[in-house]
N, C-alpha and C. Protein backbone atom coordinates (compact mmCIF):
# COMPACT_ATOMS: atom_id res chain seq x y z
N MET A 1 113.74 112.54 111.03
CA MET A 1 114.70 113.27 111.95
C MET A 1 115.37 114.53 111.34
N THR A 2 115.80 115.36 112.24
CA THR A 2 116.52 116.60 111.64
C THR A 2 117.83 116.64 111.36
N ASP A 3 118.49 117.54 110.78
CA ASP A 3 119.87 117.47 110.50
C ASP A 3 120.52 118.32 111.62
N ASP A 4 121.03 117.49 112.77
CA ASP A 4 121.63 118.26 113.72
C ASP A 4 123.12 118.58 113.55
N THR A 5 123.71 118.18 112.36
CA THR A 5 124.98 118.46 112.06
C THR A 5 125.09 119.78 111.18
N ASP A 6 124.03 120.39 111.00
CA ASP A 6 124.17 121.70 110.20
C ASP A 6 125.06 122.64 110.88
N PRO A 7 126.32 123.01 110.21
CA PRO A 7 127.27 123.85 110.87
C PRO A 7 126.64 125.34 111.26
N LEU A 8 125.46 125.59 110.81
CA LEU A 8 124.98 126.93 111.10
C LEU A 8 124.34 127.01 112.49
N GLY A 9 124.13 125.71 112.97
CA GLY A 9 123.37 125.61 114.26
C GLY A 9 122.01 125.61 114.26
N PRO A 10 121.14 125.56 115.48
CA PRO A 10 119.76 125.52 115.29
C PRO A 10 119.19 126.82 114.77
N LEU A 11 118.02 126.56 114.17
CA LEU A 11 117.28 127.51 113.48
C LEU A 11 116.21 127.94 114.42
N ASP A 12 116.07 129.47 114.45
CA ASP A 12 114.91 130.01 115.39
C ASP A 12 113.58 129.53 114.75
N PRO A 13 112.86 128.71 115.59
CA PRO A 13 111.59 128.31 115.16
C PRO A 13 110.52 129.34 114.96
N GLY A 14 110.79 130.43 115.52
CA GLY A 14 109.82 131.41 115.33
C GLY A 14 110.01 132.25 113.96
N PHE A 15 111.09 131.96 113.13
CA PHE A 15 111.37 132.86 112.00
C PHE A 15 110.16 132.87 111.00
N ALA A 16 109.51 131.60 110.95
CA ALA A 16 108.35 131.75 109.96
C ALA A 16 107.17 132.59 110.36
N ASP A 17 107.08 132.78 111.79
CA ASP A 17 105.94 133.70 112.11
C ASP A 17 106.35 135.23 111.98
N ARG A 18 107.61 135.49 111.84
CA ARG A 18 108.15 136.95 111.53
C ARG A 18 108.18 137.17 110.02
N PHE A 19 108.12 136.11 109.23
CA PHE A 19 108.54 136.20 107.86
C PHE A 19 107.50 137.05 107.05
N GLU A 20 107.96 138.13 106.35
CA GLU A 20 107.04 138.87 105.53
C GLU A 20 107.58 138.74 104.09
N ARG A 21 106.73 138.29 103.19
CA ARG A 21 107.19 138.15 101.77
C ARG A 21 107.55 139.38 101.05
N ASP A 22 108.66 139.40 100.56
CA ASP A 22 108.89 140.55 99.60
C ASP A 22 108.05 140.77 98.53
N PRO A 23 107.40 141.85 98.40
CA PRO A 23 106.30 142.02 97.30
C PRO A 23 106.87 141.89 95.81
N LYS A 24 108.21 141.94 95.63
CA LYS A 24 108.83 141.78 94.51
C LYS A 24 108.98 140.31 94.10
N ARG A 25 108.83 139.49 95.08
CA ARG A 25 108.97 137.95 94.86
C ARG A 25 107.61 137.34 94.38
N PRO A 26 107.59 136.63 93.27
CA PRO A 26 106.43 136.05 92.89
C PRO A 26 105.66 135.32 93.91
N PRO A 27 104.39 135.14 93.79
CA PRO A 27 103.57 134.46 94.63
C PRO A 27 104.00 133.01 94.44
N CYS A 28 103.74 132.15 95.57
CA CYS A 28 103.99 130.62 95.69
C CYS A 28 103.39 130.06 94.38
N GLN A 29 104.00 128.97 93.81
CA GLN A 29 103.42 128.28 92.68
C GLN A 29 103.34 126.81 92.89
N LEU A 30 102.61 126.07 92.08
CA LEU A 30 102.64 124.56 92.23
C LEU A 30 103.57 123.92 91.39
N TYR A 31 104.36 122.99 92.01
CA TYR A 31 105.33 122.19 91.26
C TYR A 31 104.90 120.79 91.40
N LEU A 32 104.44 120.20 90.36
CA LEU A 32 103.95 118.74 90.31
C LEU A 32 104.90 117.72 90.05
N ILE A 33 104.87 116.60 90.73
CA ILE A 33 105.78 115.43 90.60
C ILE A 33 104.86 114.26 90.31
N SER A 34 105.47 113.54 89.32
CA SER A 34 104.78 112.33 88.86
C SER A 34 104.67 111.36 90.00
N PRO A 35 103.65 110.43 89.83
CA PRO A 35 103.63 109.17 90.77
C PRO A 35 104.90 108.32 90.59
N PRO A 36 105.33 107.52 91.54
CA PRO A 36 106.61 106.71 91.34
C PRO A 36 106.53 105.61 90.21
N ALA A 37 105.35 105.40 89.82
CA ALA A 37 105.19 104.35 88.56
C ALA A 37 104.01 104.83 87.79
N ILE A 38 104.21 104.83 86.53
CA ILE A 38 103.11 105.23 85.64
C ILE A 38 103.12 104.23 84.41
N ASP A 39 102.00 104.37 83.59
CA ASP A 39 101.96 103.74 82.40
C ASP A 39 101.64 104.61 81.11
N ALA A 40 101.40 104.18 79.99
CA ALA A 40 101.08 105.13 78.87
C ALA A 40 99.76 105.87 78.98
N ALA A 41 98.85 105.35 79.92
CA ALA A 41 97.62 106.14 80.22
C ALA A 41 97.74 107.22 81.06
N PHE A 42 98.80 107.35 81.71
CA PHE A 42 99.23 108.61 82.55
C PHE A 42 99.12 109.91 81.78
N ALA A 43 99.38 109.85 80.48
CA ALA A 43 99.33 111.17 79.70
C ALA A 43 98.02 111.71 79.86
N ALA A 44 96.90 111.04 79.87
CA ALA A 44 95.70 111.73 79.97
C ALA A 44 95.51 112.42 81.35
N GLN A 45 95.96 111.73 82.30
CA GLN A 45 96.04 112.32 83.76
C GLN A 45 96.85 113.60 83.96
N LEU A 46 97.95 113.60 83.26
CA LEU A 46 98.80 114.78 83.21
C LEU A 46 98.13 115.84 82.53
N GLY A 47 97.40 115.63 81.44
CA GLY A 47 96.70 116.62 80.62
C GLY A 47 95.70 117.28 81.47
N ALA A 48 94.90 116.31 82.30
CA ALA A 48 93.79 116.85 83.05
C ALA A 48 94.32 117.69 84.20
N ALA A 49 95.44 117.30 84.80
CA ALA A 49 96.02 118.06 85.78
C ALA A 49 96.46 119.58 85.37
N LEU A 50 97.03 119.64 84.18
CA LEU A 50 97.46 120.88 83.69
C LEU A 50 96.38 121.88 83.24
N ALA A 51 95.27 121.14 82.70
CA ALA A 51 94.13 122.02 82.45
C ALA A 51 93.44 122.47 83.75
N GLY A 52 93.65 121.98 84.93
CA GLY A 52 93.01 122.42 86.22
C GLY A 52 93.33 123.78 86.70
N GLY A 53 94.55 124.19 86.39
CA GLY A 53 95.00 125.52 86.96
C GLY A 53 96.44 125.63 86.69
N PRO A 54 96.93 126.59 87.17
CA PRO A 54 98.51 127.01 87.06
C PRO A 54 99.45 126.06 87.56
N VAL A 55 100.44 125.46 86.73
CA VAL A 55 101.41 124.63 87.25
C VAL A 55 102.70 125.20 86.69
N ALA A 56 103.68 125.39 87.57
CA ALA A 56 104.96 125.87 87.08
C ALA A 56 105.86 124.97 86.53
N ALA A 57 105.81 123.72 87.08
CA ALA A 57 106.80 122.70 86.60
C ALA A 57 106.31 121.28 86.95
N PHE A 58 106.68 120.26 85.97
CA PHE A 58 106.26 118.89 86.23
C PHE A 58 107.62 118.05 86.29
N GLN A 59 107.72 117.35 87.27
CA GLN A 59 109.10 116.51 87.50
C GLN A 59 108.69 115.02 87.24
N LEU A 60 109.33 114.51 86.19
CA LEU A 60 109.15 113.04 85.95
C LEU A 60 110.13 112.24 86.98
N ARG A 61 109.51 111.56 87.94
CA ARG A 61 110.26 110.95 89.02
C ARG A 61 109.78 109.44 89.08
N LEU A 62 110.52 108.56 88.24
CA LEU A 62 110.12 107.13 88.27
C LEU A 62 111.24 106.49 88.84
N LYS A 63 110.90 105.32 89.55
CA LYS A 63 111.93 104.36 90.21
C LYS A 63 111.84 103.01 89.81
N GLY A 64 112.95 102.38 89.61
CA GLY A 64 113.04 100.87 89.44
C GLY A 64 112.95 100.59 87.98
N ILE A 65 113.01 101.48 86.99
CA ILE A 65 113.13 101.16 85.67
C ILE A 65 114.35 101.98 85.07
N ASP A 66 114.91 101.41 83.87
CA ASP A 66 116.09 101.99 83.30
C ASP A 66 115.72 103.24 82.37
N ASP A 67 116.70 103.95 82.03
CA ASP A 67 116.48 105.32 81.37
C ASP A 67 115.72 105.07 80.00
N HIS A 68 116.03 104.07 79.35
CA HIS A 68 115.40 103.79 78.00
C HIS A 68 113.79 103.73 78.27
N ALA A 69 113.34 103.02 79.25
CA ALA A 69 111.87 102.93 79.51
C ALA A 69 111.33 104.26 79.91
N ILE A 70 112.13 104.97 80.76
CA ILE A 70 111.62 106.16 81.21
C ILE A 70 111.57 107.23 79.92
N ALA A 71 112.61 107.05 79.09
CA ALA A 71 112.53 107.89 77.92
C ALA A 71 111.28 107.67 77.04
N ALA A 72 110.85 106.50 76.82
CA ALA A 72 109.70 106.07 76.08
C ALA A 72 108.43 106.67 76.74
N LEU A 73 108.32 106.64 78.01
CA LEU A 73 107.15 107.17 78.77
C LEU A 73 107.27 108.76 78.65
N ALA A 74 108.46 109.39 78.81
CA ALA A 74 108.65 110.67 78.78
C ALA A 74 108.03 111.53 77.70
N LEU A 75 108.20 110.98 76.54
CA LEU A 75 108.01 111.84 75.24
C LEU A 75 106.76 112.35 75.18
N PRO A 76 105.59 111.72 75.32
CA PRO A 76 104.34 112.38 75.29
C PRO A 76 104.00 113.25 76.44
N LEU A 77 104.70 113.01 77.64
CA LEU A 77 104.46 113.87 78.84
C LEU A 77 104.99 115.25 78.43
N GLN A 78 106.28 115.12 77.95
CA GLN A 78 107.03 116.31 77.52
C GLN A 78 106.25 117.09 76.44
N ALA A 79 105.75 116.56 75.63
CA ALA A 79 104.87 117.39 74.60
C ALA A 79 103.71 118.05 75.42
N ILE A 80 103.09 117.32 76.24
CA ILE A 80 101.88 117.94 76.85
C ILE A 80 102.48 119.16 77.73
N CYS A 81 103.56 119.05 78.55
CA CYS A 81 104.12 120.10 79.20
C CYS A 81 104.48 121.36 78.30
N ALA A 82 105.06 121.00 77.12
CA ALA A 82 105.48 122.16 76.31
C ALA A 82 104.24 122.94 75.82
N ALA A 83 103.19 122.12 75.47
CA ALA A 83 102.05 122.79 75.06
C ALA A 83 101.30 123.59 76.10
N ALA A 84 101.54 123.27 77.35
CA ALA A 84 100.90 124.05 78.42
C ALA A 84 101.86 125.17 79.15
N ASP A 85 103.10 125.15 78.37
CA ASP A 85 104.17 126.07 78.82
C ASP A 85 104.50 125.70 80.36
N VAL A 86 104.63 124.57 80.62
CA VAL A 86 105.02 123.97 81.99
C VAL A 86 106.46 123.37 81.75
N ALA A 87 107.40 123.68 82.71
CA ALA A 87 108.64 123.19 82.79
C ALA A 87 108.74 121.62 82.84
N PHE A 88 109.36 120.97 82.09
CA PHE A 88 109.61 119.64 82.25
C PHE A 88 111.00 119.15 82.79
N ILE A 89 110.78 118.63 83.94
CA ILE A 89 112.14 118.42 84.88
C ILE A 89 112.23 116.92 84.98
N VAL A 90 113.48 116.47 84.81
CA VAL A 90 113.80 115.01 84.89
C VAL A 90 114.42 114.80 86.39
N ASN A 91 114.08 113.84 87.18
CA ASN A 91 114.59 113.48 88.45
C ASN A 91 115.87 112.76 88.27
N ASP A 92 116.92 113.03 88.99
CA ASP A 92 118.23 112.24 89.21
C ASP A 92 119.14 112.26 88.24
N SER A 93 118.60 112.05 86.97
CA SER A 93 119.66 111.86 85.78
C SER A 93 119.96 112.96 84.86
N ILE A 94 121.26 113.51 85.04
CA ILE A 94 121.61 114.51 84.13
C ILE A 94 121.65 113.90 82.68
N GLY A 95 122.22 112.69 82.51
CA GLY A 95 122.30 112.07 81.15
C GLY A 95 120.89 111.92 80.54
N LEU A 96 119.83 111.55 81.22
CA LEU A 96 118.45 111.51 80.70
C LEU A 96 118.03 112.81 80.27
N ALA A 97 118.19 113.81 81.23
CA ALA A 97 117.70 115.20 80.93
C ALA A 97 118.28 115.70 79.64
N LYS A 98 119.71 115.33 79.45
CA LYS A 98 120.34 115.83 78.23
C LYS A 98 119.72 115.17 77.06
N ARG A 99 119.53 113.78 77.19
CA ARG A 99 118.98 112.96 75.95
C ARG A 99 117.61 113.46 75.56
N LEU A 100 116.81 113.80 76.65
CA LEU A 100 115.38 114.21 76.21
C LEU A 100 115.38 115.63 75.90
N GLY A 101 116.40 116.54 76.13
CA GLY A 101 116.37 117.98 75.87
C GLY A 101 115.28 118.49 76.93
N ALA A 102 115.31 118.02 78.14
CA ALA A 102 114.41 118.52 79.07
C ALA A 102 114.68 119.95 79.55
N ASP A 103 113.74 120.50 80.26
CA ASP A 103 113.85 121.90 80.60
C ASP A 103 114.96 122.02 81.81
N GLY A 104 115.07 120.98 82.43
CA GLY A 104 115.96 120.92 83.55
C GLY A 104 116.05 119.52 84.32
N VAL A 105 116.82 119.45 85.28
CA VAL A 105 117.01 118.28 86.18
C VAL A 105 117.00 118.57 87.64
N HIS A 106 116.39 117.61 88.28
CA HIS A 106 116.49 117.70 89.82
C HIS A 106 117.31 116.66 90.43
N LEU A 107 118.32 117.10 91.32
CA LEU A 107 119.45 116.34 91.69
C LEU A 107 119.31 116.14 93.20
N GLY A 108 119.35 114.89 93.75
CA GLY A 108 119.48 114.49 95.07
C GLY A 108 121.01 114.58 95.44
N GLN A 109 121.28 114.57 96.76
CA GLN A 109 122.53 114.83 97.25
C GLN A 109 123.52 113.84 96.57
N ASP A 110 123.05 112.67 96.08
CA ASP A 110 124.05 111.63 95.45
C ASP A 110 123.92 111.53 94.03
N ASP A 111 123.23 112.55 93.44
CA ASP A 111 122.98 112.35 92.05
C ASP A 111 123.59 113.29 91.07
N GLY A 112 124.71 113.86 91.59
CA GLY A 112 125.65 114.61 90.54
C GLY A 112 125.78 116.14 91.19
N ASP A 113 126.69 116.69 90.49
CA ASP A 113 126.97 118.07 90.87
C ASP A 113 126.33 119.01 90.15
N PRO A 114 125.67 120.15 90.44
CA PRO A 114 125.14 121.10 89.67
C PRO A 114 125.99 121.79 88.67
N ARG A 115 127.23 121.89 88.94
CA ARG A 115 128.15 122.42 88.06
C ARG A 115 128.35 121.59 86.80
N ASP A 116 128.30 120.27 86.98
CA ASP A 116 128.40 119.17 85.91
C ASP A 116 127.05 119.37 85.14
N ALA A 117 126.09 119.44 85.81
CA ALA A 117 124.72 119.48 85.23
C ALA A 117 124.79 120.85 84.24
N ARG A 118 125.19 121.82 84.61
CA ARG A 118 125.32 123.12 83.87
C ARG A 118 126.04 122.93 82.74
N ARG A 119 127.18 122.28 82.82
CA ARG A 119 127.96 122.15 81.69
C ARG A 119 127.39 121.16 80.59
N GLN A 120 126.64 120.19 81.01
CA GLN A 120 126.08 119.24 80.03
C GLN A 120 124.78 119.87 79.55
N LEU A 121 123.87 120.54 80.34
CA LEU A 121 122.70 120.90 79.88
C LEU A 121 122.58 122.47 79.43
N GLY A 122 123.59 123.25 79.79
CA GLY A 122 123.65 124.58 79.14
C GLY A 122 123.02 125.57 80.08
N PRO A 123 123.12 126.83 79.70
CA PRO A 123 122.80 127.97 80.69
C PRO A 123 121.31 128.05 81.06
N GLN A 124 120.53 127.56 80.04
CA GLN A 124 119.09 127.84 80.19
C GLN A 124 118.35 126.73 81.14
N ALA A 125 119.05 125.66 81.42
CA ALA A 125 118.47 124.59 82.12
C ALA A 125 118.20 124.95 83.52
N GLN A 126 117.05 124.41 84.08
CA GLN A 126 116.70 124.65 85.48
C GLN A 126 117.32 123.54 86.31
N ILE A 127 118.03 123.84 87.15
CA ILE A 127 118.85 122.89 87.97
C ILE A 127 118.35 122.97 89.58
N GLY A 128 117.67 121.90 90.13
CA GLY A 128 117.17 121.89 91.44
C GLY A 128 118.14 120.96 92.20
N VAL A 129 118.14 121.28 93.38
CA VAL A 129 118.91 120.37 94.28
C VAL A 129 118.23 119.96 95.65
N THR A 130 117.96 118.85 95.93
CA THR A 130 117.42 118.47 97.31
C THR A 130 118.35 118.83 98.46
N CYS A 131 118.01 119.57 99.38
CA CYS A 131 118.71 119.89 100.48
C CYS A 131 118.20 119.59 101.90
N HIS A 132 117.21 118.63 101.85
CA HIS A 132 116.58 118.04 103.20
C HIS A 132 116.25 119.26 104.12
N ASP A 133 116.80 119.18 105.22
CA ASP A 133 116.54 120.40 106.23
C ASP A 133 117.72 121.14 106.48
N SER A 134 118.67 121.28 105.62
CA SER A 134 119.97 121.87 105.88
C SER A 134 120.24 123.15 105.22
N ARG A 135 120.46 124.09 105.92
CA ARG A 135 120.72 125.53 105.29
C ARG A 135 122.09 125.31 104.68
N HIS A 136 123.00 124.68 105.35
CA HIS A 136 124.45 124.51 104.73
C HIS A 136 124.31 123.93 103.45
N LEU A 137 123.57 122.74 103.21
CA LEU A 137 123.52 122.02 101.94
C LEU A 137 122.79 123.24 101.00
N ALA A 138 121.84 123.82 101.34
CA ALA A 138 121.29 124.72 100.34
C ALA A 138 122.22 125.93 99.90
N MET A 139 123.01 126.38 100.87
CA MET A 139 123.91 127.46 100.52
C MET A 139 125.02 126.96 99.67
N GLU A 140 125.49 125.64 99.81
CA GLU A 140 126.49 125.03 98.80
C GLU A 140 125.79 124.84 97.57
N ALA A 141 124.58 124.46 97.44
CA ALA A 141 123.82 124.36 96.15
C ALA A 141 123.76 125.58 95.37
N GLY A 142 123.46 126.68 96.24
CA GLY A 142 123.37 127.93 95.60
C GLY A 142 124.83 128.34 95.03
N GLU A 143 125.66 128.19 95.70
CA GLU A 143 127.07 128.58 95.28
C GLU A 143 127.56 127.78 94.16
N ALA A 144 127.02 126.51 94.00
CA ALA A 144 127.34 125.72 92.91
C ALA A 144 126.44 125.87 91.56
N GLY A 145 125.59 126.96 91.75
CA GLY A 145 124.82 127.23 90.56
C GLY A 145 123.44 126.70 90.46
N ALA A 146 122.87 126.14 91.50
CA ALA A 146 121.45 125.65 91.36
C ALA A 146 120.59 126.95 91.17
N ASP A 147 119.46 126.52 90.44
CA ASP A 147 118.42 127.45 90.19
C ASP A 147 117.37 127.55 91.30
N TYR A 148 117.23 126.32 91.92
CA TYR A 148 116.27 126.45 93.21
C TYR A 148 116.89 125.44 94.14
N VAL A 149 116.39 125.36 95.27
CA VAL A 149 116.66 124.49 96.42
C VAL A 149 115.42 123.82 97.00
N ALA A 150 115.49 122.54 97.32
CA ALA A 150 114.28 121.96 97.71
C ALA A 150 114.47 121.60 99.22
N PHE A 151 113.56 121.83 100.15
CA PHE A 151 113.57 121.52 101.56
C PHE A 151 112.41 120.65 101.74
N GLY A 152 112.70 119.56 102.79
CA GLY A 152 111.57 118.79 103.16
C GLY A 152 112.24 117.30 103.65
N SER A 153 111.44 116.62 104.21
CA SER A 153 110.06 116.64 104.17
C SER A 153 109.34 117.30 105.41
N PHE A 154 108.32 118.11 104.89
CA PHE A 154 107.61 118.81 105.90
C PHE A 154 106.47 118.05 106.68
N TYR A 155 105.94 116.96 105.98
CA TYR A 155 104.98 116.15 106.63
C TYR A 155 105.16 114.77 106.12
N PRO A 156 104.53 113.92 106.78
CA PRO A 156 104.70 112.51 106.58
C PRO A 156 104.29 112.17 105.14
N THR A 157 104.97 111.17 104.34
CA THR A 157 104.51 111.01 103.00
C THR A 157 104.70 109.45 102.67
N THR A 158 103.86 108.86 101.71
CA THR A 158 104.13 107.79 101.43
C THR A 158 104.99 107.51 100.13
N THR A 159 105.34 108.63 99.50
CA THR A 159 105.99 108.56 98.16
C THR A 159 107.37 108.27 98.31
N LYS A 160 108.03 108.60 99.44
CA LYS A 160 109.42 108.04 99.64
C LYS A 160 109.76 108.04 101.13
N GLU A 161 110.76 107.46 101.62
CA GLU A 161 111.16 107.25 102.99
C GLU A 161 111.53 108.67 103.51
N VAL A 162 111.00 109.15 104.58
CA VAL A 162 111.17 110.21 105.25
C VAL A 162 112.34 110.20 106.30
N ARG A 163 113.52 110.83 105.87
CA ARG A 163 114.61 110.71 106.72
C ARG A 163 114.91 112.10 107.46
N HIS A 164 114.44 113.11 106.84
CA HIS A 164 114.60 114.47 107.32
C HIS A 164 113.37 115.25 107.46
N GLN A 165 113.01 115.89 108.67
CA GLN A 165 111.89 116.56 108.96
C GLN A 165 112.27 117.93 108.97
N ALA A 166 111.73 118.82 108.04
CA ALA A 166 112.04 120.22 107.95
C ALA A 166 111.12 121.13 108.64
N ASP A 167 111.42 122.24 109.07
CA ASP A 167 110.74 123.06 109.85
C ASP A 167 110.26 124.29 108.96
N PRO A 168 108.99 124.72 108.80
CA PRO A 168 108.60 125.80 107.96
C PRO A 168 109.40 127.10 108.11
N ALA A 169 109.99 127.39 109.31
CA ALA A 169 110.90 128.48 109.51
C ALA A 169 112.13 128.49 108.51
N LEU A 170 112.53 127.39 108.04
CA LEU A 170 113.60 127.22 107.14
C LEU A 170 113.30 127.91 105.79
N LEU A 171 111.92 127.88 105.42
CA LEU A 171 111.51 128.59 104.16
C LEU A 171 111.64 130.12 104.25
N GLY A 172 111.26 130.60 105.40
CA GLY A 172 111.31 132.13 105.55
C GLY A 172 112.72 132.54 105.71
N TRP A 173 113.53 131.77 106.36
CA TRP A 173 114.98 132.10 106.53
C TRP A 173 115.63 132.19 105.13
N TRP A 174 115.60 131.27 104.33
CA TRP A 174 116.08 131.16 103.03
C TRP A 174 115.44 132.31 102.18
N SER A 175 114.22 132.56 102.26
CA SER A 175 113.70 133.56 101.32
C SER A 175 113.94 134.93 101.60
N THR A 176 114.25 135.15 103.02
CA THR A 176 114.77 136.38 103.50
C THR A 176 116.21 136.82 102.92
N LEU A 177 117.00 135.71 102.98
CA LEU A 177 118.55 135.98 102.77
C LEU A 177 118.93 135.83 101.28
N PHE A 178 118.08 135.05 100.46
CA PHE A 178 118.66 134.62 99.25
C PHE A 178 117.44 134.67 98.08
N GLU A 179 118.01 135.10 96.94
CA GLU A 179 116.99 135.36 95.80
C GLU A 179 116.69 133.98 95.19
N ILE A 180 117.43 133.05 95.29
CA ILE A 180 117.24 131.71 94.57
C ILE A 180 116.00 131.19 95.16
N PRO A 181 115.10 130.84 94.31
CA PRO A 181 113.70 130.23 94.89
C PRO A 181 113.79 128.86 95.70
N CYS A 182 113.10 128.86 96.63
CA CYS A 182 113.04 127.54 97.49
C CYS A 182 111.58 126.63 97.20
N VAL A 183 111.74 125.34 97.30
CA VAL A 183 110.69 124.50 96.99
C VAL A 183 110.39 123.71 98.27
N ALA A 184 109.24 123.62 98.78
CA ALA A 184 108.74 122.84 99.90
C ALA A 184 108.21 121.58 99.33
N ILE A 185 108.69 120.31 99.87
CA ILE A 185 108.22 119.10 99.42
C ILE A 185 108.01 118.17 100.71
N GLY A 186 107.08 117.14 100.37
CA GLY A 186 106.77 116.16 101.38
C GLY A 186 105.55 116.11 102.02
N GLY A 187 104.58 115.40 101.45
CA GLY A 187 103.32 115.08 102.20
C GLY A 187 102.36 116.33 102.13
N ILE A 188 102.67 117.19 101.23
CA ILE A 188 101.89 118.61 101.25
C ILE A 188 100.48 118.18 100.70
N THR A 189 99.48 118.99 101.36
CA THR A 189 98.17 118.69 100.91
C THR A 189 97.45 120.12 100.62
N VAL A 190 96.20 120.19 100.02
CA VAL A 190 95.58 121.49 99.99
C VAL A 190 95.37 122.17 101.32
N GLU A 191 95.33 121.35 102.46
CA GLU A 191 95.11 121.94 103.54
C GLU A 191 96.42 122.61 104.14
N THR A 192 97.63 122.14 103.67
CA THR A 192 98.88 122.68 104.30
C THR A 192 99.72 123.55 103.37
N ALA A 193 99.30 123.53 102.22
CA ALA A 193 100.06 124.23 101.20
C ALA A 193 100.14 125.75 101.39
N GLY A 194 99.05 126.24 101.84
CA GLY A 194 98.89 127.66 102.22
C GLY A 194 99.78 128.03 103.33
N ASP A 195 99.99 127.17 104.23
CA ASP A 195 100.88 127.50 105.49
C ASP A 195 102.25 127.67 104.92
N LEU A 196 102.67 126.80 104.04
CA LEU A 196 104.03 126.85 103.58
C LEU A 196 104.42 127.88 102.76
N ALA A 197 103.44 128.36 101.95
CA ALA A 197 103.47 129.47 101.07
C ALA A 197 103.74 130.71 102.03
N ARG A 198 102.79 130.82 103.01
CA ARG A 198 102.96 132.05 104.01
C ARG A 198 104.35 131.92 104.68
N ALA A 199 104.82 130.87 104.91
CA ALA A 199 106.08 130.64 105.61
C ALA A 199 107.29 131.06 104.80
N GLY A 200 107.25 130.98 103.46
CA GLY A 200 108.18 131.50 102.58
C GLY A 200 108.40 130.65 101.30
N ALA A 201 107.58 129.61 101.12
CA ALA A 201 107.99 128.67 100.04
C ALA A 201 107.68 129.49 98.68
N ASP A 202 108.64 129.40 97.69
CA ASP A 202 108.20 129.91 96.29
C ASP A 202 107.53 128.88 95.57
N PHE A 203 107.73 127.65 95.77
CA PHE A 203 106.84 126.65 95.10
C PHE A 203 106.58 125.48 96.19
N VAL A 204 105.42 124.83 95.97
CA VAL A 204 105.11 123.66 96.87
C VAL A 204 104.93 122.45 95.79
N ALA A 205 105.78 121.46 96.15
CA ALA A 205 105.93 120.24 95.38
C ALA A 205 104.83 119.21 95.81
N VAL A 206 103.97 118.68 94.85
CA VAL A 206 103.02 117.85 95.44
C VAL A 206 102.90 116.56 94.40
N SER A 207 102.58 115.46 94.92
CA SER A 207 102.34 114.29 94.18
C SER A 207 101.07 113.58 94.50
N GLY A 208 101.11 112.90 95.51
CA GLY A 208 99.84 112.24 95.77
C GLY A 208 98.58 112.89 96.03
N ALA A 209 98.79 114.22 96.57
CA ALA A 209 97.65 114.99 96.81
C ALA A 209 96.93 115.39 95.58
N VAL A 210 97.62 115.29 94.37
CA VAL A 210 96.90 115.57 93.07
C VAL A 210 96.45 114.21 92.42
N TRP A 211 97.39 113.36 92.37
CA TRP A 211 97.01 111.99 91.52
C TRP A 211 95.99 111.16 92.28
N ASN A 212 95.96 111.18 93.57
CA ASN A 212 95.06 110.41 94.38
C ASN A 212 93.68 111.10 94.70
N ASP A 213 93.59 112.32 94.37
CA ASP A 213 92.40 113.08 94.70
C ASP A 213 91.16 112.27 94.17
N PRO A 214 90.17 111.91 94.83
CA PRO A 214 88.97 111.19 94.31
C PRO A 214 88.25 112.08 93.29
N ALA A 215 88.39 113.41 93.25
CA ALA A 215 87.65 114.20 92.28
C ALA A 215 88.50 114.21 91.00
N GLY A 216 89.69 113.72 90.84
CA GLY A 216 90.56 113.79 89.71
C GLY A 216 91.56 114.81 89.80
N PRO A 217 92.70 114.65 88.92
CA PRO A 217 93.83 115.64 89.05
C PRO A 217 93.46 116.92 88.62
N GLY A 218 92.59 117.17 87.83
CA GLY A 218 92.23 118.50 87.42
C GLY A 218 91.55 119.24 88.46
N GLU A 219 90.67 118.62 89.17
CA GLU A 219 90.05 119.39 90.33
C GLU A 219 91.00 119.63 91.59
N ALA A 220 91.96 118.59 91.58
CA ALA A 220 93.00 118.84 92.61
C ALA A 220 93.84 120.05 92.43
N VAL A 221 94.25 120.20 91.14
CA VAL A 221 95.16 121.31 90.69
C VAL A 221 94.31 122.61 90.90
N ARG A 222 92.96 122.61 90.61
CA ARG A 222 92.17 123.73 90.72
C ARG A 222 92.09 124.09 92.25
N LYS A 223 92.13 123.22 93.25
CA LYS A 223 91.95 123.54 94.60
C LYS A 223 93.31 124.09 94.97
N PHE A 224 94.42 123.56 94.62
CA PHE A 224 95.71 124.32 94.91
C PHE A 224 95.75 125.62 94.41
N ALA A 225 95.23 125.81 93.35
CA ALA A 225 95.24 127.12 92.72
C ALA A 225 94.56 128.14 93.48
N GLY A 226 93.33 127.67 94.12
CA GLY A 226 92.58 128.63 94.99
C GLY A 226 93.42 128.95 96.30
N VAL A 227 94.14 127.85 96.73
CA VAL A 227 94.89 128.15 98.01
C VAL A 227 96.04 129.14 97.68
N LEU A 228 96.87 128.93 96.66
CA LEU A 228 98.00 129.43 96.36
C LEU A 228 97.80 130.97 95.60
N GLY A 229 96.47 131.00 95.30
CA GLY A 229 96.11 132.30 94.53
C GLY A 229 96.33 132.34 93.04
N GLY A 230 96.45 131.19 92.49
CA GLY A 230 96.69 131.01 91.03
C GLY A 230 95.39 131.22 90.30
């Protein structure tokens, strides 16, 4: 469903068609999210994915296990990301991001305040905020010091329950008015990533389209690189 309560009112659905990317803005990049459950063998998959092409960031997003278990799984993945110069982002938990010395944290609307994250993680941390399909929430996140805002879901996805359906016009609207990067998330595939990049996304966040590719994660990332120009 869409957020009909956005106080800014309805968004012009034709905005994406009129959007022209500022040449000073970097090309759209790939933001990789882990599967919802992994084991120690996942490190090899991550290494293969990062060897396949440019990846700007990797978010560790695990559900149903405690922070101690996540930390144990995180350490080898964090080392792989550091070696590849890929930002290592922790989902939901400011405390876990601090414990691991992660490059940043991604916060849902109920996972904490970006200001608190900044105080705990320091000025260099990358702080992202989920904003669903709401321009109002995104503006609030920007004012609170977020380094990027995430919009979605743009397409059906099995990774999490879809409660908000975002319009690609939202990406162009944001990129036209604000310097803070925006991330498109939710059911994105190689076939749809280019459309979202052209609509105004600074990053496309993908999970299943990489980890479930029958050709392997490295080949999947290579295909995304071809679409995004990496």
